[in-house]
Amino acid sequence: MSKFQLFDGVILREYLPLIDGGIAPIGTVGTIVEILKNGEAYLVELFGDWVKYDEQGNFVCATQTEKGAFLETIGVEIVYPHQLVLTFSAKQTMTLT
């Protein structure tokens, strides 16, 4: 059985190399977007800083309270259970009807 569920919020408990060559630091927030092999691993969307689009359509730094701001996706990576800490369960934020 899977330790984490689909759409659970998580944070990294160790550095994680990204496919694009960058590194996600400890404390990076993410969301479980796929469960692999009954929870042996997870596909996690990892987020960076708050950003928004400027008038030219480029990302610029923003604060969480600014209109149009969102968390930038820095990668969608395979992560193992020992690398993750649950921050909130999907059940806390979603209800199925």
Protein backbone atom coordinates (compact mmCIF):
# COMPACT_ATOMS: atom_id res chain seq x y z
CA MET A 1 0.00 0.00 0.00
CA SER A 2 1.17 3.52 -0.83
CA LYS A 3 2.46 5.75 1.97
CA PHE A 4 1.33 8.87 0.07
CA GLN A 5 -1.83 9.44 -1.93
CA LEU A 6 -2.48 11.20 -5.22
CA PHE A 7 -2.43 15.02 -4.79
CA ASP A 8 -0.85 14.93 -1.32
CA GLY A 9 1.34 17.94 -0.56
CA VAL A 10 4.94 17.02 0.26
CA ILE A 11 8.35 18.58 0.89
CA LEU A 12 11.75 17.17 0.02
CA ARG A 13 13.85 15.95 2.93
CA GLU A 14 17.01 15.76 0.78
CA TYR A 15 18.47 17.42 -2.30
CA LEU A 16 17.10 16.05 -5.58
CA PRO A 17 18.82 16.30 -8.99
CA LEU A 18 16.39 17.54 -11.66
CA ILE A 19 16.20 16.18 -15.18
CA ASP A 20 17.12 19.62 -16.56
CA GLY A 21 20.39 19.59 -14.63
CA GLY A 22 19.33 21.76 -11.70
CA ILE A 23 18.94 20.68 -8.10
CA ALA A 24 15.83 20.96 -5.93
CA PRO A 25 16.95 21.87 -2.40
CA ILE A 26 15.78 20.36 0.88
CA GLY A 27 12.40 21.91 1.74
CA THR A 28 11.18 22.19 -1.86
CA VAL A 29 7.39 21.83 -1.93
CA GLY A 30 5.57 19.54 -4.31
CA THR A 31 2.45 17.55 -5.09
CA ILE A 32 2.15 13.82 -5.78
CA VAL A 33 0.85 13.52 -9.35
CA GLU A 34 1.36 9.78 -9.91
CA ILE A 35 1.94 6.72 -7.75
CA LEU A 36 4.42 4.22 -9.20
CA LYS A 37 4.59 0.50 -8.35
CA ASN A 38 2.11 0.70 -5.46
CA GLY A 39 4.07 3.44 -3.72
CA GLU A 40 7.64 2.31 -4.33
CA ALA A 41 8.14 5.70 -6.00
CA TYR A 42 6.12 8.78 -6.90
CA LEU A 43 5.99 11.29 -9.69
CA VAL A 44 6.08 14.65 -7.92
CA GLU A 45 5.51 18.12 -9.38
CA LEU A 46 8.07 20.34 -7.62
CA PHE A 47 7.59 24.07 -7.18
CA GLY A 48 9.99 26.99 -6.94
CA ASP A 49 9.34 30.65 -6.28
CA TRP A 50 6.22 32.75 -6.71
CA VAL A 51 6.14 34.29 -10.20
CA LYS A 52 3.77 36.04 -12.56
CA TYR A 53 3.80 37.08 -16.20
CA ASP A 54 4.84 40.60 -17.15
CA GLU A 55 3.45 42.59 -20.10
CA GLN A 56 5.83 40.79 -22.51
CA GLY A 57 4.78 37.34 -21.28
CA ASN A 58 7.97 36.69 -19.30
CA PHE A 59 8.14 35.29 -15.77
CA VAL A 60 9.01 37.86 -13.12
CA CYS A 61 9.37 37.43 -9.36
CA ALA A 62 6.17 37.98 -7.41
CA THR A 63 4.70 37.59 -3.97
CA GLN A 64 1.95 35.16 -3.09
CA THR A 65 -0.57 37.99 -2.66
CA GLU A 66 0.03 39.65 -6.04
CA LYS A 67 -2.70 39.34 -8.65
CA GLY A 68 -1.85 36.61 -11.16
CA ALA A 69 0.95 35.09 -9.04
CA PHE A 70 1.56 31.34 -9.00
CA LEU A 71 4.25 28.88 -7.95
CA GLU A 72 6.61 28.09 -10.79
CA THR A 73 7.01 24.38 -11.61
CA ILE A 74 10.72 23.51 -11.49
CA GLY A 75 10.31 19.88 -12.44
CA VAL A 76 8.24 16.72 -12.43
CA GLU A 77 10.50 14.07 -11.01
CA ILE A 78 10.54 10.51 -9.71
CA VAL A 79 10.94 10.66 -5.93
CA TYR A 80 11.16 7.84 -3.38
CA PRO A 81 9.19 7.70 -0.09
CA HIS A 82 12.29 8.21 2.08
CA GLN A 83 12.90 11.53 0.28
CA LEU A 84 9.49 12.99 1.17
CA VAL A 85 7.59 14.40 4.13
CA LEU A 86 3.82 14.83 4.03
CA THR A 87 2.71 18.45 4.52
CA PHE A 88 -1.00 18.01 3.87
CA SER A 89 -3.13 15.19 2.59
CA ALA A 90 -5.28 15.54 -0.48
CA LYS A 91 -8.25 14.65 1.72
CA GLN A 92 -7.69 17.88 3.65
CA THR A 93 -8.08 20.02 0.54
CA MET A 94 -10.39 18.03 -1.73
CA THR A 95 -13.66 16.21 -1.34
CA LEU A 96 -14.99 13.74 -3.85
CA THR A 97 -18.65 13.84 -4.68
